[in-house]
Amino acid sequence: MNIITTSGLSKNYGAVKALDSIDLSLESGEPIALIGPNGSGKTTFFSLLCGFIHPSAGSATILGHKVGSNALAGKLAALPQDAHLDPRFSVKRQLQLLARLQGFGGRAASQEVDRVLDIVLLSDAGVKKPGELSHGMRKRVSIAQSLIGNPELILLDEPTAGIDPPNVKIIRDLIRSQSAKTTFMISSHNLDELEKLCSTVVYLSEGKLIESGLIETSSEDGYLTLRLPSVPEDEFVRECSKLTGVLRVQRQAQGDYLIQQTEGHAVDQALLAMLAKNGWRYRHLIKGRSLEERLYG
């Protein structure tokens, strides 16, 4: 089922085109990555989908309904990057109010809040005020808010920005656990994180759609990406370049090496043997290029 469809979707602010004729058709299911540099139109795109602003041209539908339709009540949720909780009230009281606004009765609202806090592993945090929680825990409470009512589509803007690795893992795991019944569209600059979570990428730049499709590194038979924790770079490049079928070895960020191989050759086994011979340990080896290299390389 198509969960998001846009046709010629555009938004202008005076002479500035924040979004320029976006044509998209995205299916429900696995998480979707929304990426692009600052100013690319990601926030504008989310705002249009939520109905916070109106397009200058074109149209958008969610689950077959026009954006802003009453039919989407309870089916769409969004978490802005700068969302804040009210410091004066307990977590549970705030979430209960939001559940009531969605139509839950008093007891049902309390049960729904207990359910979503359990999902984000914060069952004991309901009685606390936001100031008593860490930044990562507050972010998880905000994600719990977006889960109220089991929406079919949740838009998350930088859900892991500025939080520590344990909370990042919890958020990643809860997104995976909910993806069977909820489609997440996640905007983030952390491409490594998105590559772990998402199966589809939407890439915007200067308001234009640059690429949309499946994240499929396995189809790129001409490349291998190898991550090494600590090896002599010059020596590794020299030894790797000697392997039959290797055309080029290029060092990337974060200790990654992009290895280009001739068509029809599979050098992965020879590469692993070379690493073992030299006592060089590797962290991972994937067929194809990383998402960062594919889009920005």
C-alpha atoms as a PDB file:
ATOM      1  CA  MET A   1       0.000   0.000   0.000  1.00  0.00           C
ATOM      2  CA  ASN A   2       1.241   3.504  -0.801  1.00  0.00           C
ATOM      3  CA  ILE A   3       1.615   5.360   2.467  1.00  0.00           C
ATOM      4  CA  ILE A   4       2.901   8.670   1.012  1.00  0.00           C
ATOM      5  CA  THR A   5       2.228   9.938  -2.507  1.00  0.00           C
ATOM      6  CA  THR A   6       3.189  13.382  -3.775  1.00  0.00           C
ATOM      7  CA  SER A   7       2.751  14.970  -7.182  1.00  0.00           C
ATOM      8  CA  GLY A   8       4.590  18.150  -8.087  1.00  0.00           C
ATOM      9  CA  LEU A   9       4.720  19.072  -4.384  1.00  0.00           C
ATOM     10  CA  SER A  10       6.286  22.529  -4.027  1.00  0.00           C
ATOM     11  CA  LYS A  11       6.650  25.196  -1.366  1.00  0.00           C
ATOM     12  CA  ASN A  12       7.893  28.714  -2.012  1.00  0.00           C
ATOM     13  CA  TYR A  13       8.872  31.392   0.475  1.00  0.00           C
ATOM     14  CA  GLY A  14       8.974  34.450  -1.704  1.00  0.00           C
ATOM     15  CA  ALA A  15      11.598  33.831  -4.361  1.00  0.00           C
ATOM     16  CA  VAL A  16      13.039  30.855  -2.452  1.00  0.00           C
ATOM     17  CA  LYS A  17      11.891  27.384  -3.478  1.00  0.00           C
ATOM     18  CA  ALA A  18      12.099  25.358  -0.282  1.00  0.00           C
ATOM     19  CA  LEU A  19      10.600  22.357  -2.073  1.00  0.00           C
ATOM     20  CA  ASP A  20      10.556  22.040  -5.843  1.00  0.00           C
ATOM     21  CA  SER A  21       8.141  19.691  -7.661  1.00  0.00           C
ATOM     22  CA  ILE A  22       8.571  16.542  -5.568  1.00  0.00           C
ATOM     23  CA  ASP A  23       7.068  13.386  -7.093  1.00  0.00           C
ATOM     24  CA  LEU A  24       7.121  10.429  -4.706  1.00  0.00           C
ATOM     25  CA  SER A  25       5.376   7.124  -4.144  1.00  0.00           C
ATOM     26  CA  LEU A  26       6.399   5.361  -0.927  1.00  0.00           C
ATOM     27  CA  GLU A  27       5.047   2.073   0.339  1.00  0.00           C
ATOM     28  CA  SER A  28       4.245   1.186   3.940  1.00  0.00           C
ATOM     29  CA  GLY A  29       6.503  -1.228   5.777  1.00  0.00           C
ATOM     30  CA  GLU A  30      10.167  -0.863   6.688  1.00  0.00           C
ATOM     31  CA  PRO A  31      11.492   2.514   7.944  1.00  0.00           C
ATOM     32  CA  ILE A  32      12.198   5.201   5.338  1.00  0.00           C
ATOM     33  CA  ALA A  33      15.238   7.488   5.551  1.00  0.00           C
ATOM     34  CA  LEU A  34      14.803  11.163   4.665  1.00  0.00           C
ATOM     35  CA  ILE A  35      18.231  12.707   4.164  1.00  0.00           C
ATOM     36  CA  GLY A  36      19.876  15.799   2.798  1.00  0.00           C
ATOM     37  CA  PRO A  37      22.066  18.705   3.902  1.00  0.00           C
ATOM     38  CA  ASN A  38      20.740  21.576   5.993  1.00  0.00           C
ATOM     39  CA  GLY A  39      18.375  23.668   3.912  1.00  0.00           C
ATOM     40  CA  SER A  40      17.494  20.789   1.595  1.00  0.00           C
ATOM     41  CA  GLY A  41      13.764  20.917   2.389  1.00  0.00           C
ATOM     42  CA  LYS A  42      13.399  18.043   4.872  1.00  0.00           C
ATOM     43  CA  THR A  43      11.592  20.047   7.576  1.00  0.00           C
ATOM     44  CA  THR A  44       9.400  21.719   4.957  1.00  0.00           C
ATOM     45  CA  PHE A  45       8.493  18.287   3.594  1.00  0.00           C
ATOM     46  CA  PHE A  46       7.498  17.027   7.052  1.00  0.00           C
ATOM     47  CA  SER A  47       5.531  20.215   7.724  1.00  0.00           C
ATOM     48  CA  LEU A  48       3.597  19.805   4.486  1.00  0.00           C
ATOM     49  CA  LEU A  49       2.776  16.168   5.274  1.00  0.00           C
ATOM     50  CA  CYS A  50       1.496  17.181   8.697  1.00  0.00           C
ATOM     51  CA  GLY A  51      -0.639  19.959   7.244  1.00  0.00           C
ATOM     52  CA  PHE A  52       1.153  22.620   9.288  1.00  0.00           C
ATOM     53  CA  ILE A  53       1.760  24.583   6.091  1.00  0.00           C
ATOM     54  CA  HIS A  54       0.110  24.508   2.673  1.00  0.00           C
ATOM     55  CA  PRO A  55       1.879  23.772  -0.602  1.00  0.00           C
ATOM     56  CA  SER A  56       2.460  26.460  -3.197  1.00  0.00           C
ATOM     57  CA  ALA A  57       1.748  23.875  -5.888  1.00  0.00           C
ATOM     58  CA  GLY A  58       1.141  20.158  -6.230  1.00  0.00           C
ATOM     59  CA  SER A  59      -0.479  17.727  -3.834  1.00  0.00           C
ATOM     60  CA  ALA A  60       0.222  15.052  -1.234  1.00  0.00           C
ATOM     61  CA  THR A  61      -1.765  12.133   0.119  1.00  0.00           C
ATOM     62  CA  ILE A  62      -1.169   9.842   3.081  1.00  0.00           C
ATOM     63  CA  LEU A  63      -2.807   6.405   3.073  1.00  0.00           C
ATOM     64  CA  GLY A  64      -4.862   7.604   0.124  1.00  0.00           C
ATOM     65  CA  HIS A  65      -6.251  10.620   1.991  1.00  0.00           C
ATOM     66  CA  LYS A  66      -5.466  14.238   1.225  1.00  0.00           C
ATOM     67  CA  VAL A  67      -3.071  15.802   3.724  1.00  0.00           C
ATOM     68  CA  GLY A  68      -5.078  17.567   6.438  1.00  0.00           C
ATOM     69  CA  SER A  69      -8.090  15.273   6.016  1.00  0.00           C
ATOM     70  CA  ASN A  70     -10.029  14.284   9.145  1.00  0.00           C
ATOM     71  CA  ALA A  71      -9.630  10.705   7.944  1.00  0.00           C
ATOM     72  CA  LEU A  72      -5.969  10.868   9.020  1.00  0.00           C
ATOM     73  CA  ALA A  73      -6.792  11.631  12.657  1.00  0.00           C
ATOM     74  CA  GLY A  74      -4.921   9.095  14.777  1.00  0.00           C
ATOM     75  CA  LYS A  75      -3.173   7.594  11.731  1.00  0.00           C
ATOM     76  CA  LEU A  76      -0.332  10.138  11.458  1.00  0.00           C
ATOM     77  CA  ALA A  77       2.054  11.293  14.190  1.00  0.00           C
ATOM     78  CA  ALA A  78       5.164  13.478  14.104  1.00  0.00           C
ATOM     79  CA  LEU A  79       8.027  14.244  16.462  1.00  0.00           C
ATOM     80  CA  PRO A  80       9.876  17.509  15.706  1.00  0.00           C
ATOM     81  CA  GLN A  81      13.561  17.672  16.620  1.00  0.00           C
ATOM     82  CA  ASP A  82      12.982  20.501  19.097  1.00  0.00           C
ATOM     83  CA  ALA A  83       9.927  19.001  20.827  1.00  0.00           C
ATOM     84  CA  HIS A  84       9.829  19.829  24.552  1.00  0.00           C
ATOM     85  CA  LEU A  85       7.886  18.545  27.520  1.00  0.00           C
ATOM     86  CA  ASP A  86       6.298  20.905  30.026  1.00  0.00           C
ATOM     87  CA  PRO A  87       8.640  20.995  33.062  1.00  0.00           C
ATOM     88  CA  ARG A  88       5.771  21.677  35.490  1.00  0.00           C
ATOM     89  CA  PHE A  89       3.902  18.396  35.131  1.00  0.00           C
ATOM     90  CA  SER A  90       4.726  14.718  35.436  1.00  0.00           C
ATOM     91  CA  VAL A  91       5.389  12.666  32.331  1.00  0.00           C
ATOM     92  CA  LYS A  92       2.281  10.560  32.774  1.00  0.00           C
ATOM     93  CA  ARG A  93      -0.001  13.550  33.312  1.00  0.00           C
ATOM     94  CA  GLN A  94       1.211  15.154  30.091  1.00  0.00           C
ATOM     95  CA  LEU A  95       0.867  11.981  28.058  1.00  0.00           C
ATOM     96  CA  GLN A  96      -2.590  11.312  29.507  1.00  0.00           C
ATOM     97  CA  LEU A  97      -3.706  14.772  28.381  1.00  0.00           C
ATOM     98  CA  LEU A  98      -2.409  14.088  24.873  1.00  0.00           C
ATOM     99  CA  ALA A  99      -4.182  10.721  24.839  1.00  0.00           C
ATOM    100  CA  ARG A 100      -7.428  12.413  25.923  1.00  0.00           C
ATOM    101  CA  LEU A 101      -7.026  14.886  23.061  1.00  0.00           C
ATOM    102  CA  GLN A 102      -6.889  11.892  20.723  1.00  0.00           C
ATOM    103  CA  GLY A 103     -10.209  10.627  22.047  1.00  0.00           C
ATOM    104  CA  PHE A 104      -9.203   8.202  24.781  1.00  0.00           C
ATOM    105  CA  GLY A 105     -11.417   8.134  27.886  1.00  0.00           C
ATOM    106  CA  GLY A 106      -9.928   8.614  31.363  1.00  0.00           C
ATOM    107  CA  ARG A 107      -9.102   4.996  32.196  1.00  0.00           C
ATOM    108  CA  ALA A 108      -8.276   4.139  28.589  1.00  0.00           C
ATOM    109  CA  ALA A 109      -5.907   7.132  28.421  1.00  0.00           C
ATOM    110  CA  SER A 110      -4.061   5.931  31.511  1.00  0.00           C
ATOM    111  CA  GLN A 111      -3.755   2.411  30.081  1.00  0.00           C
ATOM    112  CA  GLU A 112      -2.531   3.757  26.746  1.00  0.00           C
ATOM    113  CA  VAL A 113       0.145   5.861  28.464  1.00  0.00           C
ATOM    114  CA  ASP A 114       1.294   2.817  30.432  1.00  0.00           C
ATOM    115  CA  ARG A 115       1.517   0.882  27.151  1.00  0.00           C
ATOM    116  CA  VAL A 116       3.660   3.420  25.281  1.00  0.00           C
ATOM    117  CA  LEU A 117       5.954   4.051  28.268  1.00  0.00           C
ATOM    118  CA  ASP A 118       6.523   0.313  28.477  1.00  0.00           C
ATOM    119  CA  ILE A 119       7.499   0.243  24.789  1.00  0.00           C
ATOM    120  CA  VAL A 120      10.211   2.869  25.362  1.00  0.00           C
ATOM    121  CA  LEU A 121      11.358   1.096  28.572  1.00  0.00           C
ATOM    122  CA  LEU A 122      10.305   3.947  30.869  1.00  0.00           C
ATOM    123  CA  SER A 123       7.456   2.392  32.833  1.00  0.00           C
ATOM    124  CA  ASP A 124       8.808   3.837  36.092  1.00  0.00           C
ATOM    125  CA  ALA A 125       9.292   7.357  34.718  1.00  0.00           C
ATOM    126  CA  GLY A 126       5.625   8.329  34.564  1.00  0.00           C
ATOM    127  CA  VAL A 127       5.596   9.903  38.025  1.00  0.00           C
ATOM    128  CA  LYS A 128       8.676  12.025  37.311  1.00  0.00           C
ATOM    129  CA  LYS A 129       8.867  15.492  35.847  1.00  0.00           C
ATOM    130  CA  PRO A 130      10.949  16.011  32.680  1.00  0.00           C
ATOM    131  CA  GLY A 131      13.705  17.794  34.594  1.00  0.00           C
ATOM    132  CA  GLU A 132      14.374  14.591  36.535  1.00  0.00           C
ATOM    133  CA  LEU A 133      15.157  12.664  33.354  1.00  0.00           C
ATOM    134  CA  SER A 134      18.255  12.598  31.155  1.00  0.00           C
ATOM    135  CA  HIS A 135      18.164  14.069  27.667  1.00  0.00           C
ATOM    136  CA  GLY A 136      17.980  10.582  26.146  1.00  0.00           C
ATOM    137  CA  MET A 137      15.114   9.576  28.426  1.00  0.00           C
ATOM    138  CA  ARG A 138      13.192  12.746  27.550  1.00  0.00           C
ATOM    139  CA  LYS A 139      13.631  11.909  23.879  1.00  0.00           C
ATOM    140  CA  ARG A 140      12.232   8.444  24.517  1.00  0.00           C
ATOM    141  CA  VAL A 141       9.229   9.973  26.298  1.00  0.00           C
ATOM    142  CA  SER A 142       8.630  12.141  23.236  1.00  0.00           C
ATOM    143  CA  ILE A 143       8.761   9.053  21.045  1.00  0.00           C
ATOM    144  CA  ALA A 144       6.277   7.403  23.409  1.00  0.00           C
ATOM    145  CA  GLN A 145       3.997  10.369  22.776  1.00  0.00           C
ATOM    146  CA  SER A 146       4.160   9.720  19.021  1.00  0.00           C
ATOM    147  CA  LEU A 147       3.146   6.079  19.586  1.00  0.00           C
ATOM    148  CA  ILE A 148      -0.129   6.954  21.314  1.00  0.00           C
ATOM    149  CA  GLY A 149      -3.023   5.419  19.425  1.00  0.00           C
ATOM    150  CA  ASN A 150      -0.889   3.171  17.198  1.00  0.00           C
ATOM    151  CA  PRO A 151      -0.574   5.552  14.209  1.00  0.00           C
ATOM    152  CA  GLU A 152       0.187   3.981  10.846  1.00  0.00           C
ATOM    153  CA  LEU A 153       2.810   6.594   9.933  1.00  0.00           C
ATOM    154  CA  ILE A 154       5.237   8.375  12.281  1.00  0.00           C
ATOM    155  CA  LEU A 155       7.565  11.142  11.116  1.00  0.00           C
ATOM    156  CA  LEU A 156      10.690  11.421  13.285  1.00  0.00           C
ATOM    157  CA  ASP A 157      13.009  14.422  12.922  1.00  0.00           C
ATOM    158  CA  GLU A 158      16.521  13.653  14.270  1.00  0.00           C
ATOM    159  CA  PRO A 159      15.274  11.180  16.929  1.00  0.00           C
ATOM    160  CA  THR A 160      18.802  10.288  18.100  1.00  0.00           C
ATOM    161  CA  ALA A 161      20.548  13.681  17.809  1.00  0.00           C
ATOM    162  CA  GLY A 162      22.703  14.529  20.815  1.00  0.00           C
ATOM    163  CA  ILE A 163      21.935  11.455  22.894  1.00  0.00           C
ATOM    164  CA  ASP A 164      24.243   8.772  24.251  1.00  0.00           C
ATOM    165  CA  PRO A 165      24.802   5.345  22.613  1.00  0.00           C
ATOM    166  CA  PRO A 166      22.687   3.322  25.121  1.00  0.00           C
ATOM    167  CA  ASN A 167      19.640   5.501  24.394  1.00  0.00           C
ATOM    168  CA  VAL A 168      20.366   5.412  20.666  1.00  0.00           C
ATOM    169  CA  LYS A 169      20.273   1.602  20.779  1.00  0.00           C
ATOM    170  CA  ILE A 170      17.005   1.602  22.730  1.00  0.00           C
ATOM    171  CA  ILE A 171      15.408   3.959  20.198  1.00  0.00           C
ATOM    172  CA  ARG A 172      16.718   1.903  17.276  1.00  0.00           C
ATOM    173  CA  ASP A 173      15.391  -1.315  18.808  1.00  0.00           C
ATOM    174  CA  LEU A 174      11.955   0.129  19.575  1.00  0.00           C
ATOM    175  CA  ILE A 175      11.619   1.439  16.008  1.00  0.00           C
ATOM    176  CA  ARG A 176      12.421  -2.039  14.734  1.00  0.00           C
ATOM    177  CA  SER A 177       9.959  -3.616  17.145  1.00  0.00           C
ATOM    178  CA  GLN A 178       7.122  -1.336  16.006  1.00  0.00           C
ATOM    179  CA  SER A 179       7.861  -1.464  12.276  1.00  0.00           C
ATOM    180  CA  ALA A 180       5.582  -4.441  11.669  1.00  0.00           C
ATOM    181  CA  LYS A 181       2.535  -2.232  12.256  1.00  0.00           C
ATOM    182  CA  THR A 182       3.854   1.334  11.902  1.00  0.00           C
ATOM    183  CA  THR A 183       5.861   2.925   9.097  1.00  0.00           C
ATOM    184  CA  PHE A 184       8.529   5.334  10.316  1.00  0.00           C
ATOM    185  CA  MET A 185      10.013   8.084   8.172  1.00  0.00           C
ATOM    186  CA  ILE A 186      13.209   9.270   9.826  1.00  0.00           C
ATOM    187  CA  SER A 187      15.111  12.453   9.061  1.00  0.00           C
ATOM    188  CA  SER A 188      18.713  12.383  10.275  1.00  0.00           C
ATOM    189  CA  HIS A 189      22.278  13.348   9.388  1.00  0.00           C
ATOM    190  CA  ASN A 190      23.541  10.073  10.893  1.00  0.00           C
ATOM    191  CA  LEU A 191      23.762   7.948   7.762  1.00  0.00           C
ATOM    192  CA  ASP A 192      25.325   4.975   9.559  1.00  0.00           C
ATOM    193  CA  GLU A 193      22.307   4.843  11.865  1.00  0.00           C
ATOM    194  CA  LEU A 194      19.842   5.172   8.998  1.00  0.00           C
ATOM    195  CA  GLU A 195      21.594   2.439   7.055  1.00  0.00           C
ATOM    196  CA  LYS A 196      21.091   0.085  10.001  1.00  0.00           C
ATOM    197  CA  LEU A 197      17.387   0.918  10.297  1.00  0.00           C
ATOM    198  CA  CYS A 198      15.953   1.789   6.906  1.00  0.00           C
ATOM    199  CA  SER A 199      15.266  -0.067   3.680  1.00  0.00           C
ATOM    200  CA  THR A 200      14.323   2.979   1.584  1.00  0.00           C
ATOM    201  CA  VAL A 201      16.011   6.364   1.178  1.00  0.00           C
ATOM    202  CA  VAL A 202      14.620   9.718   0.015  1.00  0.00           C
ATOM    203  CA  TYR A 203      17.427  12.176  -0.730  1.00  0.00           C
ATOM    204  CA  LEU A 204      16.675  15.897  -1.032  1.00  0.00           C
ATOM    205  CA  SER A 205      19.056  18.685  -1.954  1.00  0.00           C
ATOM    206  CA  GLU A 206      18.207  22.375  -2.437  1.00  0.00           C
ATOM    207  CA  GLY A 207      14.526  21.497  -2.437  1.00  0.00           C
ATOM    208  CA  LYS A 208      14.813  18.929  -5.219  1.00  0.00           C
ATOM    209  CA  LEU A 209      14.408  15.162  -5.098  1.00  0.00           C
ATOM    210  CA  ILE A 210      17.801  13.697  -6.004  1.00  0.00           C
ATOM    211  CA  GLU A 211      17.137  10.024  -5.352  1.00  0.00           C
ATOM    212  CA  SER A 212      14.407   7.763  -4.010  1.00  0.00           C
ATOM    213  CA  GLY A 213      14.534   4.001  -3.735  1.00  0.00           C
ATOM    214  CA  LEU A 214      15.695   0.947  -1.885  1.00  0.00           C
ATOM    215  CA  ILE A 215      18.991   0.926   0.012  1.00  0.00           C
ATOM    216  CA  GLU A 216      20.607  -1.986  -1.798  1.00  0.00           C
ATOM    217  CA  THR A 217      24.358  -2.184  -1.397  1.00  0.00           C
ATOM    218  CA  SER A 218      24.398  -5.891  -2.296  1.00  0.00           C
ATOM    219  CA  SER A 219      23.588  -5.097  -5.948  1.00  0.00           C
ATOM    220  CA  GLU A 220      26.835  -3.148  -6.398  1.00  0.00           C
ATOM    221  CA  ASP A 221      29.116  -6.035  -7.342  1.00  0.00           C
ATOM    222  CA  GLY A 222      31.937  -3.711  -8.353  1.00  0.00           C
ATOM    223  CA  TYR A 223      32.687  -2.558  -4.811  1.00  0.00           C
ATOM    224  CA  LEU A 224      33.492  -3.798  -1.322  1.00  0.00           C
ATOM    225  CA  THR A 225      33.495  -1.656   1.816  1.00  0.00           C
ATOM    226  CA  LEU A 226      35.828  -2.767   4.584  1.00  0.00           C
ATOM    227  CA  ARG A 227      36.083  -1.233   8.045  1.00  0.00           C
ATOM    228  CA  LEU A 228      39.370  -1.716   9.885  1.00  0.00           C
ATOM    229  CA  PRO A 229      39.909  -0.546  13.486  1.00  0.00           C
ATOM    230  CA  SER A 230      43.622   0.189  13.220  1.00  0.00           C
ATOM    231  CA  VAL A 231      46.061  -0.900  10.522  1.00  0.00           C
ATOM    232  CA  PRO A 232      49.030   0.731   8.763  1.00  0.00           C
ATOM    233  CA  GLU A 233      47.183   2.496   5.960  1.00  0.00           C
ATOM    234  CA  ASP A 234      49.954   2.541   3.354  1.00  0.00           C
ATOM    235  CA  GLU A 235      50.823  -1.101   3.980  1.00  0.00           C
ATOM    236  CA  PHE A 236      47.206  -2.220   3.773  1.00  0.00           C
ATOM    237  CA  VAL A 237      46.584  -0.316   0.539  1.00  0.00           C
ATOM    238  CA  ARG A 238      49.759  -1.783  -0.973  1.00  0.00           C
ATOM    239  CA  GLU A 239      48.923  -5.379   0.014  1.00  0.00           C
ATOM    240  CA  CYS A 240      45.272  -5.087  -0.989  1.00  0.00           C
ATOM    241  CA  SER A 241      46.171  -3.601  -4.373  1.00  0.00           C
ATOM    242  CA  LYS A 242      48.214  -6.736  -5.167  1.00  0.00           C
ATOM    243  CA  LEU A 243      45.121  -8.961  -5.011  1.00  0.00           C
ATOM    244  CA  THR A 244      43.878 -10.229  -8.363  1.00  0.00           C
ATOM    245  CA  GLY A 245      40.793  -8.337  -9.432  1.00  0.00           C
ATOM    246  CA  VAL A 246      41.375  -5.227  -7.294  1.00  0.00           C
ATOM    247  CA  LEU A 247      41.308  -2.025  -9.352  1.00  0.00           C
ATOM    248  CA  ARG A 248      41.573   0.625  -6.642  1.00  0.00           C
ATOM    249  CA  VAL A 249      41.703   0.971  -2.853  1.00  0.00           C
ATOM    250  CA  GLN A 250      40.574   4.266  -1.351  1.00  0.00           C
ATOM    251  CA  ARG A 251      40.420   5.245   2.313  1.00  0.00           C
ATOM    252  CA  GLN A 252      37.122   6.759   3.454  1.00  0.00           C
ATOM    253  CA  ALA A 253      35.996   8.320   6.724  1.00  0.00           C
ATOM    254  CA  GLN A 254      35.728   6.337   9.990  1.00  0.00           C
ATOM    255  CA  GLY A 255      38.369   3.805   8.973  1.00  0.00           C
ATOM    256  CA  ASP A 256      36.440   2.517   5.943  1.00  0.00           C
ATOM    257  CA  TYR A 257      38.211   1.406   2.786  1.00  0.00           C
ATOM    258  CA  LEU A 258      36.378   1.379  -0.531  1.00  0.00           C
ATOM    259  CA  ILE A 259      37.719  -1.400  -2.739  1.00  0.00           C
ATOM    260  CA  GLN A 260      36.823  -1.369  -6.420  1.00  0.00           C
ATOM    261  CA  GLN A 261      37.065  -4.719  -8.159  1.00  0.00           C
ATOM    262  CA  THR A 262      36.905  -5.767 -11.792  1.00  0.00           C
ATOM    263  CA  GLU A 263      33.569  -7.022 -13.062  1.00  0.00           C
ATOM    264  CA  GLY A 264      33.132 -10.744 -12.645  1.00  0.00           C
ATOM    265  CA  HIS A 265      35.751 -11.061  -9.885  1.00  0.00           C
ATOM    266  CA  ALA A 266      34.988 -11.832  -6.247  1.00  0.00           C
ATOM    267  CA  VAL A 267      37.954 -10.803  -4.147  1.00  0.00           C
ATOM    268  CA  ASP A 268      36.326 -11.060  -0.716  1.00  0.00           C
ATOM    269  CA  GLN A 269      37.811 -14.469   0.137  1.00  0.00           C
ATOM    270  CA  ALA A 270      41.300 -13.434  -0.966  1.00  0.00           C
ATOM    271  CA  LEU A 271      40.902 -10.209   0.999  1.00  0.00           C
ATOM    272  CA  LEU A 272      39.972 -12.073   4.183  1.00  0.00           C
ATOM    273  CA  ALA A 273      42.933 -14.419   3.714  1.00  0.00           C
ATOM    274  CA  MET A 274      45.273 -11.438   3.293  1.00  0.00           C
ATOM    275  CA  LEU A 275      43.916  -9.846   6.481  1.00  0.00           C
ATOM    276  CA  ALA A 276      44.409 -13.080   8.437  1.00  0.00           C
ATOM    277  CA  LYS A 277      47.948 -13.530   7.104  1.00  0.00           C
ATOM    278  CA  ASN A 278      48.928 -10.055   8.322  1.00  0.00           C
ATOM    279  CA  GLY A 279      47.084 -10.324  11.632  1.00  0.00           C
ATOM    280  CA  TRP A 280      44.784  -7.422  10.770  1.00  0.00           C
ATOM    281  CA  ARG A 281      41.374  -7.609  12.382  1.00  0.00           C
ATOM    282  CA  TYR A 282      38.373  -6.096  10.625  1.00  0.00           C
ATOM    283  CA  ARG A 283      35.055  -4.842  11.966  1.00  0.00           C
ATOM    284  CA  HIS A 284      32.863  -5.497   8.966  1.00  0.00           C
ATOM    285  CA  LEU A 285      32.953  -6.231   5.272  1.00  0.00           C
ATOM    286  CA  ILE A 286      29.990  -5.464   3.027  1.00  0.00           C
ATOM    287  CA  LYS A 287      29.368  -5.878  -0.674  1.00  0.00           C
ATOM    288  CA  GLY A 288      28.775  -2.482  -2.250  1.00  0.00           C
ATOM    289  CA  ARG A 289      29.321   1.062  -1.029  1.00  0.00           C
ATOM    290  CA  SER A 290      28.057   2.648   2.166  1.00  0.00           C
ATOM    291  CA  LEU A 291      25.038   4.951   1.928  1.00  0.00           C
ATOM    292  CA  GLU A 292      27.279   7.951   2.605  1.00  0.00           C
ATOM    293  CA  GLU A 293      29.653   7.016  -0.218  1.00  0.00           C
ATOM    294  CA  ARG A 294      26.828   6.315  -2.672  1.00  0.00           C
ATOM    295  CA  LEU A 295      25.139   9.666  -2.106  1.00  0.00           C
ATOM    296  CA  TYR A 296      28.030  12.005  -1.345  1.00  0.00           C
ATOM    297  CA  GLY A 297      31.096  10.202  -2.674  1.00  0.00           C
END
